[in-house]
N, C-alpha and C. Protein backbone atom coordinates (compact mmCIF):
# COMPACT_ATOMS: atom_id res chain seq x y z
N UNK A 1 -53.68 80.22 -47.49
CA UNK A 1 -52.43 79.69 -47.96
C UNK A 1 -52.25 78.28 -47.41
N UNK A 2 -51.96 77.36 -48.25
CA UNK A 2 -51.78 75.96 -47.85
C UNK A 2 -50.37 75.74 -47.33
N UNK A 3 -50.27 74.90 -46.35
CA UNK A 3 -48.97 74.55 -45.79
C UNK A 3 -48.43 73.35 -46.55
N UNK A 4 -47.21 73.43 -46.99
CA UNK A 4 -46.60 72.34 -47.73
C UNK A 4 -45.51 71.71 -46.87
N UNK A 5 -45.57 70.43 -46.72
CA UNK A 5 -44.53 69.71 -45.98
C UNK A 5 -43.94 68.67 -46.93
N UNK A 6 -42.64 68.55 -46.96
CA UNK A 6 -42.03 67.57 -47.84
C UNK A 6 -42.40 66.15 -47.41
N UNK A 7 -42.60 65.31 -48.37
CA UNK A 7 -42.89 63.91 -48.10
C UNK A 7 -41.56 63.20 -47.90
N UNK A 8 -41.43 62.58 -46.73
CA UNK A 8 -40.18 61.89 -46.41
C UNK A 8 -40.48 60.42 -46.18
N UNK A 9 -39.72 59.57 -46.84
CA UNK A 9 -39.84 58.12 -46.60
C UNK A 9 -38.65 57.69 -45.78
N UNK A 10 -38.94 56.91 -44.77
CA UNK A 10 -37.89 56.37 -43.93
C UNK A 10 -37.65 54.92 -44.32
N UNK A 11 -36.43 54.44 -44.15
CA UNK A 11 -36.16 53.04 -44.46
C UNK A 11 -37.07 52.13 -43.65
N UNK A 12 -37.36 50.94 -44.19
CA UNK A 12 -38.25 50.00 -43.53
C UNK A 12 -37.75 49.62 -42.16
N UNK A 13 -36.44 49.56 -41.98
CA UNK A 13 -35.91 49.12 -40.70
C UNK A 13 -35.99 50.21 -39.64
N UNK A 14 -36.33 51.45 -40.01
CA UNK A 14 -36.40 52.53 -39.04
C UNK A 14 -37.74 52.49 -38.32
N UNK A 15 -37.68 52.51 -37.01
CA UNK A 15 -38.87 52.53 -36.18
C UNK A 15 -39.54 53.89 -36.32
N UNK A 16 -40.87 53.96 -36.51
CA UNK A 16 -41.53 55.25 -36.65
C UNK A 16 -41.30 56.17 -35.46
N UNK A 17 -41.11 55.63 -34.26
CA UNK A 17 -40.85 56.48 -33.11
C UNK A 17 -39.46 57.10 -33.16
N UNK A 18 -38.55 56.53 -33.95
CA UNK A 18 -37.21 57.09 -34.08
C UNK A 18 -37.13 58.18 -35.14
N UNK A 19 -38.17 58.29 -35.96
CA UNK A 19 -38.16 59.30 -37.01
C UNK A 19 -38.20 60.70 -36.39
N UNK A 20 -37.48 61.65 -36.95
CA UNK A 20 -37.47 63.00 -36.39
C UNK A 20 -38.84 63.65 -36.48
N UNK A 21 -39.13 64.46 -35.50
CA UNK A 21 -40.41 65.17 -35.47
C UNK A 21 -40.17 66.52 -34.84
N UNK A 22 -40.84 67.56 -35.34
CA UNK A 22 -40.65 68.89 -34.75
C UNK A 22 -41.23 69.00 -33.34
N UNK A 23 -42.13 68.09 -32.95
CA UNK A 23 -42.78 68.20 -31.65
C UNK A 23 -42.16 67.32 -30.59
N UNK A 24 -41.21 66.50 -30.92
CA UNK A 24 -40.58 65.66 -29.90
C UNK A 24 -39.10 65.53 -30.20
N UNK A 25 -38.36 65.30 -29.15
CA UNK A 25 -36.94 65.08 -29.34
C UNK A 25 -36.60 63.65 -28.92
N UNK A 26 -35.38 63.26 -29.15
CA UNK A 26 -34.99 61.88 -28.87
C UNK A 26 -35.08 61.56 -27.38
N UNK A 27 -34.96 62.57 -26.51
CA UNK A 27 -35.09 62.35 -25.08
C UNK A 27 -36.49 61.92 -24.71
N UNK A 28 -37.50 62.54 -25.35
CA UNK A 28 -38.89 62.15 -25.10
C UNK A 28 -39.12 60.70 -25.51
N UNK A 29 -38.65 60.35 -26.68
CA UNK A 29 -38.82 58.99 -27.18
C UNK A 29 -38.14 58.00 -26.24
N UNK A 30 -36.93 58.32 -25.81
CA UNK A 30 -36.21 57.43 -24.90
C UNK A 30 -36.96 57.27 -23.59
N UNK A 31 -37.44 58.39 -23.03
CA UNK A 31 -38.16 58.34 -21.75
C UNK A 31 -39.43 57.50 -21.84
N UNK A 32 -40.21 57.68 -22.90
CA UNK A 32 -41.46 56.94 -23.05
C UNK A 32 -41.16 55.46 -23.26
N UNK A 33 -40.18 55.16 -24.10
CA UNK A 33 -39.79 53.75 -24.32
C UNK A 33 -39.29 53.11 -23.04
N UNK A 34 -38.45 53.84 -22.28
CA UNK A 34 -37.90 53.30 -21.03
C UNK A 34 -39.01 53.03 -20.03
N UNK A 35 -39.97 53.94 -19.92
CA UNK A 35 -41.09 53.73 -19.00
C UNK A 35 -41.93 52.54 -19.43
N UNK A 36 -42.21 52.42 -20.72
CA UNK A 36 -42.98 51.29 -21.23
C UNK A 36 -42.25 49.98 -20.96
N UNK A 37 -40.97 49.96 -21.21
CA UNK A 37 -40.18 48.76 -20.98
C UNK A 37 -40.17 48.38 -19.49
N UNK A 38 -40.10 49.38 -18.63
CA UNK A 38 -40.10 49.14 -17.19
C UNK A 38 -41.43 48.52 -16.74
N UNK A 39 -42.54 49.09 -17.20
CA UNK A 39 -43.85 48.58 -16.79
C UNK A 39 -44.09 47.19 -17.37
N UNK A 40 -43.69 46.96 -18.61
CA UNK A 40 -43.85 45.64 -19.22
C UNK A 40 -43.02 44.60 -18.48
N UNK A 41 -41.80 44.96 -18.09
CA UNK A 41 -40.96 44.04 -17.33
C UNK A 41 -41.61 43.70 -15.99
N UNK A 42 -42.22 44.70 -15.36
CA UNK A 42 -42.96 44.44 -14.12
C UNK A 42 -44.13 43.50 -14.38
N UNK A 43 -44.86 43.74 -15.47
CA UNK A 43 -46.05 42.94 -15.78
C UNK A 43 -45.71 41.47 -15.96
N UNK A 44 -44.52 41.18 -16.41
CA UNK A 44 -44.11 39.78 -16.56
C UNK A 44 -44.06 39.06 -15.22
N UNK A 45 -43.96 39.80 -14.13
CA UNK A 45 -43.89 39.22 -12.79
C UNK A 45 -45.22 39.27 -12.04
N UNK A 46 -46.22 39.95 -12.61
CA UNK A 46 -47.50 40.12 -11.92
C UNK A 46 -48.22 38.79 -11.76
N UNK A 47 -49.07 38.75 -10.75
CA UNK A 47 -49.99 37.64 -10.54
C UNK A 47 -51.36 38.28 -10.38
N UNK A 48 -52.24 38.01 -11.34
CA UNK A 48 -53.57 38.64 -11.40
C UNK A 48 -54.64 37.59 -11.62
N UNK A 49 -55.88 37.98 -11.35
CA UNK A 49 -57.03 37.14 -11.67
C UNK A 49 -57.19 37.12 -13.19
N UNK A 50 -57.85 36.08 -13.68
CA UNK A 50 -58.02 35.92 -15.13
C UNK A 50 -58.69 37.13 -15.77
N UNK A 51 -59.71 37.68 -15.12
CA UNK A 51 -60.41 38.85 -15.68
C UNK A 51 -59.47 40.04 -15.83
N UNK A 52 -58.56 40.21 -14.90
CA UNK A 52 -57.60 41.32 -14.99
C UNK A 52 -56.59 41.08 -16.11
N UNK A 53 -56.22 39.82 -16.33
CA UNK A 53 -55.31 39.54 -17.44
C UNK A 53 -55.97 39.86 -18.77
N UNK A 54 -57.26 39.65 -18.87
CA UNK A 54 -57.97 40.00 -20.10
C UNK A 54 -57.94 41.51 -20.34
N UNK A 55 -58.07 42.29 -19.27
CA UNK A 55 -57.98 43.75 -19.39
C UNK A 55 -56.55 44.16 -19.79
N UNK A 56 -55.56 43.50 -19.21
CA UNK A 56 -54.16 43.78 -19.56
C UNK A 56 -53.92 43.50 -21.03
N UNK A 57 -54.51 42.43 -21.53
CA UNK A 57 -54.32 42.08 -22.94
C UNK A 57 -54.81 43.19 -23.87
N UNK A 58 -55.93 43.82 -23.51
CA UNK A 58 -56.45 44.93 -24.33
C UNK A 58 -55.49 46.12 -24.32
N UNK A 59 -54.87 46.38 -23.17
CA UNK A 59 -53.90 47.47 -23.09
C UNK A 59 -52.67 47.14 -23.93
N UNK A 60 -52.25 45.88 -23.92
CA UNK A 60 -51.09 45.47 -24.72
C UNK A 60 -51.35 45.63 -26.21
N UNK A 61 -52.58 45.37 -26.63
CA UNK A 61 -52.96 45.58 -28.03
C UNK A 61 -52.83 47.07 -28.37
N UNK A 62 -53.27 47.94 -27.46
CA UNK A 62 -53.16 49.39 -27.69
C UNK A 62 -51.69 49.82 -27.73
N UNK A 63 -50.86 49.24 -26.88
CA UNK A 63 -49.43 49.58 -26.90
C UNK A 63 -48.80 49.16 -28.22
N UNK A 64 -49.14 47.98 -28.69
CA UNK A 64 -48.60 47.50 -29.96
C UNK A 64 -49.03 48.39 -31.11
N UNK A 65 -50.29 48.80 -31.10
CA UNK A 65 -50.79 49.68 -32.16
C UNK A 65 -50.09 51.04 -32.11
N UNK A 66 -49.84 51.56 -30.91
CA UNK A 66 -49.14 52.84 -30.78
C UNK A 66 -47.71 52.73 -31.29
N UNK A 67 -47.04 51.63 -30.98
CA UNK A 67 -45.68 51.43 -31.49
C UNK A 67 -45.66 51.35 -33.01
N UNK A 68 -46.60 50.59 -33.55
CA UNK A 68 -46.67 50.42 -35.00
C UNK A 68 -46.93 51.76 -35.70
N UNK A 69 -47.80 52.57 -35.12
CA UNK A 69 -48.16 53.86 -35.71
C UNK A 69 -47.14 54.94 -35.41
N UNK A 70 -46.24 54.69 -34.47
CA UNK A 70 -45.27 55.71 -34.09
C UNK A 70 -45.90 56.83 -33.29
N UNK A 71 -46.98 56.52 -32.59
CA UNK A 71 -47.72 57.52 -31.81
C UNK A 71 -47.20 57.53 -30.37
N UNK A 72 -46.33 58.48 -30.08
CA UNK A 72 -45.69 58.56 -28.78
C UNK A 72 -46.69 58.85 -27.67
N UNK A 73 -47.65 59.73 -27.93
CA UNK A 73 -48.65 60.06 -26.91
C UNK A 73 -49.52 58.85 -26.58
N UNK A 74 -49.91 58.09 -27.60
CA UNK A 74 -50.73 56.90 -27.36
C UNK A 74 -49.93 55.83 -26.62
N UNK A 75 -48.63 55.72 -26.90
CA UNK A 75 -47.79 54.76 -26.19
C UNK A 75 -47.68 55.16 -24.72
N UNK A 76 -47.50 56.44 -24.45
CA UNK A 76 -47.42 56.92 -23.07
C UNK A 76 -48.73 56.67 -22.33
N UNK A 77 -49.86 56.92 -22.99
CA UNK A 77 -51.16 56.70 -22.37
C UNK A 77 -51.40 55.22 -22.09
N UNK A 78 -51.06 54.37 -23.04
CA UNK A 78 -51.23 52.93 -22.86
C UNK A 78 -50.30 52.41 -21.77
N UNK A 79 -49.12 52.97 -21.66
CA UNK A 79 -48.19 52.57 -20.60
C UNK A 79 -48.79 52.91 -19.23
N UNK A 80 -49.37 54.09 -19.11
CA UNK A 80 -50.04 54.48 -17.86
C UNK A 80 -51.21 53.54 -17.56
N UNK A 81 -51.97 53.19 -18.58
CA UNK A 81 -53.09 52.26 -18.40
C UNK A 81 -52.60 50.90 -17.93
N UNK A 82 -51.49 50.44 -18.49
CA UNK A 82 -50.94 49.15 -18.09
C UNK A 82 -50.50 49.19 -16.63
N UNK A 83 -49.86 50.28 -16.25
CA UNK A 83 -49.41 50.40 -14.87
C UNK A 83 -50.60 50.38 -13.90
N UNK A 84 -51.69 51.03 -14.29
CA UNK A 84 -52.90 51.04 -13.45
C UNK A 84 -53.60 49.69 -13.41
N UNK A 85 -53.38 48.86 -14.41
CA UNK A 85 -54.01 47.54 -14.46
C UNK A 85 -53.28 46.52 -13.61
N UNK A 86 -52.18 46.91 -13.02
CA UNK A 86 -51.36 46.00 -12.23
C UNK A 86 -52.05 45.54 -10.96
N UNK A 87 -51.36 44.73 -10.18
CA UNK A 87 -51.96 44.16 -8.97
C UNK A 87 -52.25 45.22 -7.92
N UNK A 88 -53.29 44.93 -7.15
CA UNK A 88 -53.67 45.81 -6.04
C UNK A 88 -52.88 45.40 -4.80
N UNK A 89 -52.68 46.32 -3.91
CA UNK A 89 -51.95 46.01 -2.69
C UNK A 89 -52.82 45.26 -1.68
N UNK A 90 -54.11 45.51 -1.74
CA UNK A 90 -55.02 44.87 -0.80
C UNK A 90 -55.86 43.85 -1.55
N UNK A 91 -55.96 42.65 -1.02
CA UNK A 91 -56.75 41.60 -1.63
C UNK A 91 -57.91 41.26 -0.70
N UNK A 92 -59.11 41.30 -1.22
CA UNK A 92 -60.28 40.96 -0.42
C UNK A 92 -60.38 39.47 -0.22
N UNK A 93 -60.98 39.10 0.89
CA UNK A 93 -61.22 37.69 1.17
C UNK A 93 -62.22 37.16 0.16
N UNK A 94 -61.95 35.99 -0.40
CA UNK A 94 -62.85 35.36 -1.35
C UNK A 94 -62.66 35.81 -2.79
N UNK A 95 -61.59 36.53 -3.08
CA UNK A 95 -61.34 36.96 -4.46
C UNK A 95 -60.87 35.78 -5.29
N UNK A 96 -61.04 35.85 -6.60
CA UNK A 96 -60.56 34.77 -7.47
C UNK A 96 -59.05 34.59 -7.32
N UNK A 97 -58.57 33.39 -7.58
CA UNK A 97 -57.12 33.14 -7.44
C UNK A 97 -56.32 33.97 -8.45
N UNK A 98 -55.13 34.32 -8.02
CA UNK A 98 -54.25 35.08 -8.91
C UNK A 98 -53.28 34.12 -9.59
N UNK A 99 -52.97 34.45 -10.83
CA UNK A 99 -52.14 33.58 -11.67
C UNK A 99 -51.06 34.41 -12.36
N UNK A 100 -49.94 33.79 -12.74
CA UNK A 100 -48.97 34.50 -13.57
C UNK A 100 -49.56 34.74 -14.95
N UNK A 101 -48.89 35.52 -15.79
CA UNK A 101 -49.45 35.79 -17.13
C UNK A 101 -49.68 34.50 -17.91
N UNK A 102 -50.87 34.36 -18.51
CA UNK A 102 -51.10 33.20 -19.38
C UNK A 102 -50.12 33.24 -20.57
N UNK A 103 -49.81 32.09 -21.16
CA UNK A 103 -48.82 32.06 -22.25
C UNK A 103 -49.07 33.07 -23.38
N UNK A 104 -50.31 33.27 -23.88
CA UNK A 104 -50.46 34.26 -24.97
C UNK A 104 -50.11 35.68 -24.52
N UNK A 105 -50.44 36.02 -23.29
CA UNK A 105 -50.12 37.36 -22.79
C UNK A 105 -48.63 37.48 -22.53
N UNK A 106 -48.02 36.43 -21.98
CA UNK A 106 -46.57 36.44 -21.78
C UNK A 106 -45.85 36.62 -23.12
N UNK A 107 -46.33 35.95 -24.16
CA UNK A 107 -45.73 36.10 -25.50
C UNK A 107 -45.87 37.53 -26.00
N UNK A 108 -47.04 38.12 -25.80
CA UNK A 108 -47.26 39.50 -26.26
C UNK A 108 -46.37 40.46 -25.48
N UNK A 109 -46.24 40.24 -24.17
CA UNK A 109 -45.34 41.07 -23.36
C UNK A 109 -43.90 40.96 -23.87
N UNK A 110 -43.45 39.75 -24.11
CA UNK A 110 -42.08 39.55 -24.62
C UNK A 110 -41.89 40.18 -25.99
N UNK A 111 -42.92 40.11 -26.84
CA UNK A 111 -42.83 40.73 -28.17
C UNK A 111 -42.72 42.24 -28.04
N UNK A 112 -43.45 42.83 -27.10
CA UNK A 112 -43.37 44.28 -26.89
C UNK A 112 -42.00 44.67 -26.33
N UNK A 113 -41.45 43.86 -25.44
CA UNK A 113 -40.10 44.13 -24.92
C UNK A 113 -39.12 44.16 -26.09
N UNK A 114 -39.24 43.19 -26.98
CA UNK A 114 -38.36 43.14 -28.15
C UNK A 114 -38.58 44.36 -29.05
N UNK A 115 -39.84 44.73 -29.29
CA UNK A 115 -40.14 45.89 -30.13
C UNK A 115 -39.60 47.19 -29.54
N UNK A 116 -39.54 47.25 -28.22
CA UNK A 116 -39.03 48.45 -27.55
C UNK A 116 -37.51 48.45 -27.44
N UNK A 117 -36.88 47.38 -27.90
CA UNK A 117 -35.43 47.33 -27.89
C UNK A 117 -34.83 46.69 -26.66
N UNK A 118 -35.67 46.05 -25.85
CA UNK A 118 -35.17 45.37 -24.65
C UNK A 118 -34.92 43.90 -24.93
N UNK A 119 -34.76 43.15 -23.86
CA UNK A 119 -34.50 41.72 -23.97
C UNK A 119 -35.66 40.96 -23.34
N UNK A 120 -36.25 39.99 -24.06
CA UNK A 120 -37.33 39.19 -23.49
C UNK A 120 -36.88 38.51 -22.20
N UNK A 121 -37.84 38.30 -21.30
CA UNK A 121 -37.54 37.71 -19.99
C UNK A 121 -36.87 36.35 -20.10
N UNK A 122 -37.20 35.57 -21.11
CA UNK A 122 -36.63 34.24 -21.27
C UNK A 122 -35.13 34.28 -21.49
N UNK A 123 -34.59 35.39 -21.98
CA UNK A 123 -33.16 35.49 -22.27
C UNK A 123 -32.37 36.15 -21.15
N UNK A 124 -33.05 36.61 -20.09
CA UNK A 124 -32.36 37.26 -18.99
C UNK A 124 -31.82 36.22 -18.03
N UNK A 125 -30.71 36.53 -17.40
CA UNK A 125 -30.12 35.63 -16.42
C UNK A 125 -30.90 35.74 -15.12
N UNK A 126 -31.16 34.61 -14.46
CA UNK A 126 -31.83 34.67 -13.17
C UNK A 126 -30.99 35.45 -12.17
N UNK A 127 -31.65 36.27 -11.38
CA UNK A 127 -30.95 37.03 -10.37
C UNK A 127 -30.32 38.31 -10.88
N UNK A 128 -30.33 38.52 -12.19
CA UNK A 128 -29.76 39.74 -12.77
C UNK A 128 -30.67 40.19 -13.90
N UNK A 129 -31.87 40.73 -13.57
CA UNK A 129 -32.88 40.98 -14.56
C UNK A 129 -32.55 41.97 -15.64
N UNK A 130 -31.58 42.69 -15.74
CA UNK A 130 -31.35 43.56 -16.88
C UNK A 130 -30.15 43.14 -17.68
N UNK A 131 -29.45 42.15 -17.20
CA UNK A 131 -28.19 41.76 -17.85
C UNK A 131 -28.44 40.92 -19.08
N UNK A 132 -27.59 41.11 -20.03
CA UNK A 132 -27.68 40.30 -21.25
C UNK A 132 -27.01 38.96 -21.01
N UNK A 133 -27.58 37.93 -21.58
CA UNK A 133 -27.02 36.59 -21.48
C UNK A 133 -26.18 36.34 -22.72
N UNK A 134 -24.90 36.65 -22.62
CA UNK A 134 -24.05 36.48 -23.81
C UNK A 134 -23.29 35.16 -23.78
N UNK A 135 -23.58 34.31 -22.78
CA UNK A 135 -22.95 33.01 -22.72
C UNK A 135 -21.58 33.02 -22.07
N UNK A 136 -21.06 34.19 -21.73
CA UNK A 136 -19.74 34.23 -21.11
C UNK A 136 -19.86 34.01 -19.61
N UNK A 137 -18.79 33.52 -19.03
CA UNK A 137 -18.76 33.30 -17.59
C UNK A 137 -18.44 34.60 -16.89
N UNK A 138 -19.06 34.78 -15.78
CA UNK A 138 -18.79 35.97 -14.97
C UNK A 138 -18.07 35.53 -13.71
N UNK A 139 -17.05 36.29 -13.33
CA UNK A 139 -16.33 35.92 -12.12
C UNK A 139 -16.31 37.04 -11.12
C-alpha cells in the first residue's frame, strides 16, 4: 500500500524551517536557530589563522545550504562544526598570526545572521551586542 501525503505549497516568504513538520515542533526550530545565531555571533569576534578561516568558510556554506533546504538536522550539525572550528585556548609558539574574519567571511556571517532572523553586527550598538539600533536615545 502506498502512502499518500498531500502536496502543500508554502508562500515564498515563508522560511522552510518555519513550515510545519510532524517530526519537529517550533521549539526545536527556535532552539537550533538560537544556537546557530549564538555561534555565528561569536564567530564574528574570533581571531584565527587564515587556514582556519578557510575551514570556517566551508562550514558557513553548509549552514547556508541547510537553511535554504530547511534541513534542521543539517543546520544543527553545521552549527556544531562551526563551534568546533573556533579558536583554541592554547596557542603554540611559532603559529601563524591570527586575524579577524576576512571581509568575504564577515559578509557571509552577517548574511547568515540576517537569514536566521537576527541583526548583523554592523547594526548593533557598541557595548550592547543584542540591542537593536533604532536611533532613539537611551537614558
